[in-house]
C-alpha atoms as a PDB file:
ATOM      1  CA  UNK A   1     -33.940  -2.011 -32.606  1.00  0.00           C
ATOM      2  CA  UNK A   2     -30.510  -0.204 -31.834  1.00  0.00           C
ATOM      3  CA  UNK A   3     -27.765  -1.791 -34.084  1.00  0.00           C
ATOM      4  CA  UNK A   4     -25.127  -3.818 -32.167  1.00  0.00           C
ATOM      5  CA  UNK A   5     -21.705  -2.113 -31.321  1.00  0.00           C
ATOM      6  CA  UNK A   6     -19.217  -3.563 -33.900  1.00  0.00           C
ATOM      7  CA  UNK A   7     -16.027  -4.322 -32.270  1.00  0.00           C
ATOM      8  CA  UNK A   8     -12.501  -5.225 -33.979  1.00  0.00           C
ATOM      9  CA  UNK A   9      -9.889  -7.237 -31.744  1.00  0.00           C
ATOM     10  CA  UNK A  10      -6.233  -6.465 -32.468  1.00  0.00           C
ATOM     11  CA  UNK A  11      -3.898  -8.626 -30.461  1.00  0.00           C
ATOM     12  CA  UNK A  12      -0.984 -10.939 -31.522  1.00  0.00           C
ATOM     13  CA  UNK A  13      -2.133 -13.571 -29.196  1.00  0.00           C
ATOM     14  CA  UNK A  14      -4.877 -15.796 -30.529  1.00  0.00           C
ATOM     15  CA  UNK A  15      -5.965 -17.159 -27.172  1.00  0.00           C
ATOM     16  CA  UNK A  16      -6.409 -13.573 -26.027  1.00  0.00           C
ATOM     17  CA  UNK A  17      -8.563 -12.725 -29.131  1.00  0.00           C
ATOM     18  CA  UNK A  18     -10.565 -15.925 -28.626  1.00  0.00           C
ATOM     19  CA  UNK A  19     -11.158 -14.992 -24.944  1.00  0.00           C
ATOM     20  CA  UNK A  20     -12.147 -11.426 -25.794  1.00  0.00           C
ATOM     21  CA  UNK A  21     -14.617 -12.637 -28.656  1.00  0.00           C
ATOM     22  CA  UNK A  22     -16.273 -15.008 -26.242  1.00  0.00           C
ATOM     23  CA  UNK A  23     -16.791 -12.512 -23.617  1.00  0.00           C
ATOM     24  CA  UNK A  24     -18.002  -9.706 -25.978  1.00  0.00           C
ATOM     25  CA  UNK A  25     -20.108 -12.016 -28.208  1.00  0.00           C
ATOM     26  CA  UNK A  26     -22.215 -13.012 -25.327  1.00  0.00           C
ATOM     27  CA  UNK A  27     -23.678  -9.403 -25.003  1.00  0.00           C
ATOM     28  CA  UNK A  28     -26.620  -8.836 -27.229  1.00  0.00           C
ATOM     29  CA  UNK A  29     -25.589  -5.244 -28.017  1.00  0.00           C
ATOM     30  CA  UNK A  30     -22.091  -6.129 -28.860  1.00  0.00           C
ATOM     31  CA  UNK A  31     -20.678  -7.870 -32.102  1.00  0.00           C
ATOM     32  CA  UNK A  32     -17.087  -8.823 -32.767  1.00  0.00           C
ATOM     33  CA  UNK A  33     -16.843  -7.923 -36.264  1.00  0.00           C
ATOM     34  CA  UNK A  34     -13.247  -8.907 -36.968  1.00  0.00           C
ATOM     35  CA  UNK A  35      -9.800  -9.613 -35.599  1.00  0.00           C
ATOM     36  CA  UNK A  36      -6.131  -8.641 -36.528  1.00  0.00           C
ATOM     37  CA  UNK A  37      -2.884 -10.152 -35.266  1.00  0.00           C
ATOM     38  CA  UNK A  38      -0.750  -6.923 -35.522  1.00  0.00           C
ATOM     39  CA  UNK A  39      -1.175  -3.146 -36.107  1.00  0.00           C
ATOM     40  CA  UNK A  40      -0.945  -3.324 -40.017  1.00  0.00           C
ATOM     41  CA  UNK A  41      -3.527  -5.794 -40.148  1.00  0.00           C
ATOM     42  CA  UNK A  42      -5.770  -3.869 -37.780  1.00  0.00           C
ATOM     43  CA  UNK A  43      -5.448  -0.845 -39.978  1.00  0.00           C
ATOM     44  CA  UNK A  44      -6.518  -2.895 -42.959  1.00  0.00           C
ATOM     45  CA  UNK A  45      -9.424  -4.634 -41.125  1.00  0.00           C
ATOM     46  CA  UNK A  46     -10.678  -1.487 -39.636  1.00  0.00           C
ATOM     47  CA  UNK A  47     -10.661   0.204 -43.148  1.00  0.00           C
ATOM     48  CA  UNK A  48     -12.696  -2.639 -44.536  1.00  0.00           C
ATOM     49  CA  UNK A  49     -15.194  -3.224 -41.706  1.00  0.00           C
ATOM     50  CA  UNK A  50     -15.727   0.265 -40.193  1.00  0.00           C
ATOM     51  CA  UNK A  51     -16.280  -0.764 -36.496  1.00  0.00           C
ATOM     52  CA  UNK A  52     -17.321   1.311 -33.809  1.00  0.00           C
ATOM     53  CA  UNK A  53     -14.562   0.346 -31.308  1.00  0.00           C
ATOM     54  CA  UNK A  54     -11.030  -1.168 -31.634  1.00  0.00           C
ATOM     55  CA  UNK A  55      -9.719  -3.145 -28.743  1.00  0.00           C
ATOM     56  CA  UNK A  56      -5.962  -2.477 -29.589  1.00  0.00           C
ATOM     57  CA  UNK A  57      -3.077  -4.272 -28.049  1.00  0.00           C
ATOM     58  CA  UNK A  58      -0.407  -1.824 -27.251  1.00  0.00           C
ATOM     59  CA  UNK A  59       2.620  -4.092 -28.031  1.00  0.00           C
ATOM     60  CA  UNK A  60       2.375  -6.178 -31.205  1.00  0.00           C
ATOM     61  CA  UNK A  61       4.976  -7.314 -33.874  1.00  0.00           C
ATOM     62  CA  UNK A  62       5.658  -5.207 -37.027  1.00  0.00           C
ATOM     63  CA  UNK A  63       3.230  -2.483 -36.286  1.00  0.00           C
ATOM     64  CA  UNK A  64       2.449  -1.630 -32.747  1.00  0.00           C
ATOM     65  CA  UNK A  65      -0.858  -0.362 -31.290  1.00  0.00           C
ATOM     66  CA  UNK A  66       0.557   3.119 -31.052  1.00  0.00           C
ATOM     67  CA  UNK A  67       1.430   3.622 -34.747  1.00  0.00           C
ATOM     68  CA  UNK A  68      -1.794   1.805 -35.664  1.00  0.00           C
ATOM     69  CA  UNK A  69      -3.873   4.254 -33.582  1.00  0.00           C
ATOM     70  CA  UNK A  70      -1.909   7.145 -35.195  1.00  0.00           C
ATOM     71  CA  UNK A  71      -2.534   5.915 -38.725  1.00  0.00           C
ATOM     72  CA  UNK A  72      -6.230   5.315 -38.146  1.00  0.00           C
ATOM     73  CA  UNK A  73      -7.017   8.642 -36.663  1.00  0.00           C
ATOM     74  CA  UNK A  74      -4.851  10.541 -39.210  1.00  0.00           C
ATOM     75  CA  UNK A  75      -6.493   8.577 -42.208  1.00  0.00           C
ATOM     76  CA  UNK A  76     -10.088   8.438 -41.024  1.00  0.00           C
ATOM     77  CA  UNK A  77     -10.544  11.527 -38.677  1.00  0.00           C
ATOM     78  CA  UNK A  78     -13.729  11.983 -37.333  1.00  0.00           C
ATOM     79  CA  UNK A  79     -14.974   8.793 -39.044  1.00  0.00           C
ATOM     80  CA  UNK A  80     -12.290   6.920 -37.084  1.00  0.00           C
ATOM     81  CA  UNK A  81     -13.534   4.299 -34.467  1.00  0.00           C
ATOM     82  CA  UNK A  82     -13.059   4.659 -30.896  1.00  0.00           C
ATOM     83  CA  UNK A  83      -9.859   2.946 -29.741  1.00  0.00           C
ATOM     84  CA  UNK A  84      -9.568   1.249 -26.512  1.00  0.00           C
ATOM     85  CA  UNK A  85      -5.773   0.209 -25.748  1.00  0.00           C
ATOM     86  CA  UNK A  86      -5.243  -3.225 -24.014  1.00  0.00           C
ATOM     87  CA  UNK A  87      -2.041  -3.323 -21.682  1.00  0.00           C
ATOM     88  CA  UNK A  88      -0.681  -5.713 -19.221  1.00  0.00           C
ATOM     89  CA  UNK A  89       0.735  -2.942 -16.969  1.00  0.00           C
ATOM     90  CA  UNK A  90      -1.024   0.328 -16.421  1.00  0.00           C
ATOM     91  CA  UNK A  91       2.269   2.267 -16.024  1.00  0.00           C
ATOM     92  CA  UNK A  92       3.563   1.220 -19.114  1.00  0.00           C
ATOM     93  CA  UNK A  93       5.128   4.146 -21.095  1.00  0.00           C
ATOM     94  CA  UNK A  94       3.527   2.776 -24.300  1.00  0.00           C
ATOM     95  CA  UNK A  95       0.075   3.332 -22.744  1.00  0.00           C
ATOM     96  CA  UNK A  96       0.870   7.071 -22.353  1.00  0.00           C
ATOM     97  CA  UNK A  97       2.136   7.338 -25.861  1.00  0.00           C
ATOM     98  CA  UNK A  98      -1.123   5.573 -26.998  1.00  0.00           C
ATOM     99  CA  UNK A  99      -3.180   8.167 -25.167  1.00  0.00           C
ATOM    100  CA  UNK A 100      -1.083  10.972 -26.631  1.00  0.00           C
ATOM    101  CA  UNK A 101      -1.700   9.540 -30.044  1.00  0.00           C
ATOM    102  CA  UNK A 102      -5.387   9.771 -29.552  1.00  0.00           C
ATOM    103  CA  UNK A 103      -6.559   6.527 -28.010  1.00  0.00           C
ATOM    104  CA  UNK A 104      -9.634   7.067 -26.104  1.00  0.00           C
ATOM    105  CA  UNK A 105      -8.684   5.039 -22.977  1.00  0.00           C
ATOM    106  CA  UNK A 106      -7.087   1.901 -21.724  1.00  0.00           C
ATOM    107  CA  UNK A 107      -8.030  -1.385 -20.145  1.00  0.00           C
ATOM    108  CA  UNK A 108      -5.742  -3.935 -18.228  1.00  0.00           C
ATOM    109  CA  UNK A 109      -5.751  -7.357 -19.577  1.00  0.00           C
ATOM    110  CA  UNK A 110      -6.473  -8.694 -16.111  1.00  0.00           C
ATOM    111  CA  UNK A 111      -9.783  -6.772 -16.138  1.00  0.00           C
ATOM    112  CA  UNK A 112     -12.870  -8.914 -15.450  1.00  0.00           C
ATOM    113  CA  UNK A 113     -15.575  -9.695 -18.139  1.00  0.00           C
ATOM    114  CA  UNK A 114     -17.961  -6.955 -16.777  1.00  0.00           C
ATOM    115  CA  UNK A 115     -15.132  -4.474 -16.758  1.00  0.00           C
ATOM    116  CA  UNK A 116     -14.351  -5.336 -20.339  1.00  0.00           C
ATOM    117  CA  UNK A 117     -17.971  -4.887 -21.545  1.00  0.00           C
ATOM    118  CA  UNK A 118     -18.444  -1.773 -19.549  1.00  0.00           C
ATOM    119  CA  UNK A 119     -15.276  -0.381 -21.236  1.00  0.00           C
ATOM    120  CA  UNK A 120     -16.412  -0.976 -24.646  1.00  0.00           C
ATOM    121  CA  UNK A 121     -19.793   0.720 -23.989  1.00  0.00           C
ATOM    122  CA  UNK A 122     -17.994   3.531 -22.405  1.00  0.00           C
ATOM    123  CA  UNK A 123     -15.793   4.424 -25.110  1.00  0.00           C
ATOM    124  CA  UNK A 124     -18.464   3.716 -27.804  1.00  0.00           C
ATOM    125  CA  UNK A 125     -20.740   6.399 -26.231  1.00  0.00           C
ATOM    126  CA  UNK A 126     -18.078   9.009 -26.572  1.00  0.00           C
ATOM    127  CA  UNK A 127     -16.592   8.972 -23.030  1.00  0.00           C
ATOM    128  CA  UNK A 128     -12.999   8.191 -22.088  1.00  0.00           C
ATOM    129  CA  UNK A 129     -11.983   5.256 -20.113  1.00  0.00           C
ATOM    130  CA  UNK A 130      -8.967   6.286 -17.840  1.00  0.00           C
ATOM    131  CA  UNK A 131      -7.662   5.544 -14.446  1.00  0.00           C
ATOM    132  CA  UNK A 132      -6.669   8.796 -12.823  1.00  0.00           C
ATOM    133  CA  UNK A 133      -3.959   7.593 -10.537  1.00  0.00           C
ATOM    134  CA  UNK A 134      -2.239   5.732 -13.507  1.00  0.00           C
ATOM    135  CA  UNK A 135      -2.481   8.553 -15.764  1.00  0.00           C
ATOM    136  CA  UNK A 136      -1.134  11.046 -13.196  1.00  0.00           C
ATOM    137  CA  UNK A 137       1.902   8.912 -12.626  1.00  0.00           C
ATOM    138  CA  UNK A 138       2.456   8.522 -16.362  1.00  0.00           C
ATOM    139  CA  UNK A 139       2.058  12.147 -17.221  1.00  0.00           C
ATOM    140  CA  UNK A 140       4.217  13.273 -14.120  1.00  0.00           C
ATOM    141  CA  UNK A 141       7.186  11.604 -16.008  1.00  0.00           C
ATOM    142  CA  UNK A 142       6.610  13.630 -19.095  1.00  0.00           C
ATOM    143  CA  UNK A 143       5.573  16.948 -17.588  1.00  0.00           C
ATOM    144  CA  UNK A 144       8.930  18.683 -18.438  1.00  0.00           C
ATOM    145  CA  UNK A 145       8.362  21.497 -15.832  1.00  0.00           C
ATOM    146  CA  UNK A 146       5.322  22.760 -17.599  1.00  0.00           C
ATOM    147  CA  UNK A 147       3.201  24.957 -15.196  1.00  0.00           C
ATOM    148  CA  UNK A 148      -0.644  24.997 -14.632  1.00  0.00           C
ATOM    149  CA  UNK A 149      -0.824  28.639 -15.598  1.00  0.00           C
ATOM    150  CA  UNK A 150       0.405  27.912 -19.076  1.00  0.00           C
ATOM    151  CA  UNK A 151      -2.785  26.019 -19.609  1.00  0.00           C
ATOM    152  CA  UNK A 152      -5.399  27.569 -17.300  1.00  0.00           C
ATOM    153  CA  UNK A 153      -4.648  30.953 -18.902  1.00  0.00           C
ATOM    154  CA  UNK A 154      -6.449  29.862 -21.971  1.00  0.00           C
ATOM    155  CA  UNK A 155      -9.637  29.017 -19.943  1.00  0.00           C
ATOM    156  CA  UNK A 156     -12.290  30.486 -17.899  1.00  0.00           C
ATOM    157  CA  UNK A 157     -12.696  29.595 -14.274  1.00  0.00           C
ATOM    158  CA  UNK A 158     -15.692  27.429 -14.982  1.00  0.00           C
ATOM    159  CA  UNK A 159     -13.808  25.733 -17.852  1.00  0.00           C
ATOM    160  CA  UNK A 160     -10.762  24.982 -15.392  1.00  0.00           C
ATOM    161  CA  UNK A 161     -13.321  23.408 -13.111  1.00  0.00           C
ATOM    162  CA  UNK A 162     -14.921  21.289 -15.740  1.00  0.00           C
ATOM    163  CA  UNK A 163     -11.278  20.272 -16.917  1.00  0.00           C
ATOM    164  CA  UNK A 164     -10.421  19.039 -13.464  1.00  0.00           C
ATOM    165  CA  UNK A 165     -13.764  16.933 -13.277  1.00  0.00           C
ATOM    166  CA  UNK A 166     -13.045  15.647 -16.726  1.00  0.00           C
ATOM    167  CA  UNK A 167      -9.624  14.582 -15.404  1.00  0.00           C
ATOM    168  CA  UNK A 168     -11.391  12.567 -12.646  1.00  0.00           C
ATOM    169  CA  UNK A 169     -13.263  10.645 -15.179  1.00  0.00           C
ATOM    170  CA  UNK A 170     -16.771  12.274 -14.720  1.00  0.00           C
ATOM    171  CA  UNK A 171     -19.209  12.087 -17.629  1.00  0.00           C
ATOM    172  CA  UNK A 172     -21.011  15.104 -18.871  1.00  0.00           C
ATOM    173  CA  UNK A 173     -24.047  14.230 -16.796  1.00  0.00           C
ATOM    174  CA  UNK A 174     -21.796  13.958 -13.646  1.00  0.00           C
ATOM    175  CA  UNK A 175     -20.175  17.201 -14.482  1.00  0.00           C
ATOM    176  CA  UNK A 176     -23.564  18.791 -14.772  1.00  0.00           C
ATOM    177  CA  UNK A 177     -24.463  17.557 -11.383  1.00  0.00           C
ATOM    178  CA  UNK A 178     -21.471  18.760  -9.757  1.00  0.00           C
ATOM    179  CA  UNK A 179     -21.745  22.238 -11.484  1.00  0.00           C
ATOM    180  CA  UNK A 180     -25.506  22.725 -11.035  1.00  0.00           C
ATOM    181  CA  UNK A 181     -25.979  23.080 -14.781  1.00  0.00           C
ATOM    182  CA  UNK A 182     -27.795  21.201 -17.403  1.00  0.00           C
ATOM    183  CA  UNK A 183     -26.113  18.061 -19.278  1.00  0.00           C
ATOM    184  CA  UNK A 184     -26.460  20.310 -22.375  1.00  0.00           C
ATOM    185  CA  UNK A 185     -24.467  23.146 -20.662  1.00  0.00           C
ATOM    186  CA  UNK A 186     -21.939  20.747 -19.445  1.00  0.00           C
ATOM    187  CA  UNK A 187     -21.421  19.450 -22.981  1.00  0.00           C
ATOM    188  CA  UNK A 188     -20.891  22.970 -24.169  1.00  0.00           C
ATOM    189  CA  UNK A 189     -18.264  23.537 -21.465  1.00  0.00           C
ATOM    190  CA  UNK A 190     -16.464  20.486 -22.389  1.00  0.00           C
ATOM    191  CA  UNK A 191     -16.455  21.338 -26.144  1.00  0.00           C
ATOM    192  CA  UNK A 192     -15.154  24.867 -25.203  1.00  0.00           C
ATOM    193  CA  UNK A 193     -12.387  23.183 -23.132  1.00  0.00           C
ATOM    194  CA  UNK A 194     -11.473  21.056 -25.950  1.00  0.00           C
ATOM    195  CA  UNK A 195     -11.459  23.852 -28.458  1.00  0.00           C
ATOM    196  CA  UNK A 196      -9.329  26.254 -26.404  1.00  0.00           C
ATOM    197  CA  UNK A 197      -6.686  23.559 -25.530  1.00  0.00           C
ATOM    198  CA  UNK A 198      -6.627  22.290 -29.307  1.00  0.00           C
ATOM    199  CA  UNK A 199      -7.303  18.692 -27.951  1.00  0.00           C
ATOM    200  CA  UNK A 200      -8.760  16.197 -30.305  1.00  0.00           C
ATOM    201  CA  UNK A 201     -10.898  14.727 -27.473  1.00  0.00           C
ATOM    202  CA  UNK A 202     -11.440  14.412 -23.814  1.00  0.00           C
ATOM    203  CA  UNK A 203      -8.437  11.971 -23.357  1.00  0.00           C
ATOM    204  CA  UNK A 204      -6.093  14.510 -24.802  1.00  0.00           C
ATOM    205  CA  UNK A 205      -7.410  17.292 -22.684  1.00  0.00           C
ATOM    206  CA  UNK A 206      -6.924  15.054 -19.620  1.00  0.00           C
ATOM    207  CA  UNK A 207      -3.478  14.259 -20.410  1.00  0.00           C
ATOM    208  CA  UNK A 208      -2.587  17.987 -20.940  1.00  0.00           C
ATOM    209  CA  UNK A 209      -4.300  18.688 -17.381  1.00  0.00           C
ATOM    210  CA  UNK A 210      -2.089  16.184 -15.714  1.00  0.00           C
ATOM    211  CA  UNK A 211       1.198  17.097 -17.636  1.00  0.00           C
ATOM    212  CA  UNK A 212       0.698  20.774 -16.573  1.00  0.00           C
ATOM    213  CA  UNK A 213      -0.305  20.003 -12.941  1.00  0.00           C
ATOM    214  CA  UNK A 214      -3.693  21.273 -13.178  1.00  0.00           C
ATOM    215  CA  UNK A 215      -5.073  18.485 -11.270  1.00  0.00           C
ATOM    216  CA  UNK A 216      -3.707  18.166  -7.744  1.00  0.00           C
ATOM    217  CA  UNK A 217      -2.062  14.801  -6.617  1.00  0.00           C
ATOM    218  CA  UNK A 218      -4.132  12.600  -4.389  1.00  0.00           C
END
């Protein structure tokens, strides 16, 4: 039997944590292992419990979700949990900063129970949970005049195509289908893109793609 996904909830509102716990604990493959009321406590709880996923509120007292994310990724490296940011507004600059810090995606607090459950499973399996239109709008504000060729010069033509598909939120299997290759080959292309861009994961690669205008609007 596959072990349940272990989740830590980090939000300064008790009612929010209670609602999230009720939704997630109703799933046989998900277990809420612990809770935290701010970023500092989240770091401590995660260090002790070693969860698979952290649902991290972006705005919390004392230590916010951005700094908590930075600390966890810096301290634990590849052993760090997958971090899914919770936010009220998808165009919040805090969301962008959290993604740049290494969060693996974000979810709106108004999301349905099904969307929440699916989001936890998506990031747990190694994919990113992004909303292309929202990320495009956020990245456009931080592009700083950078041009596509500054990024694409590091990649082959196939890798540029793969990066664009990643930015649209496609999984490795979907990228493989679009490119007419095996899933293993698609995974190899994704790994090559990450390596050449110096990106920690798919999320950071996608952020770079939007910042440099590699992904066309629309």
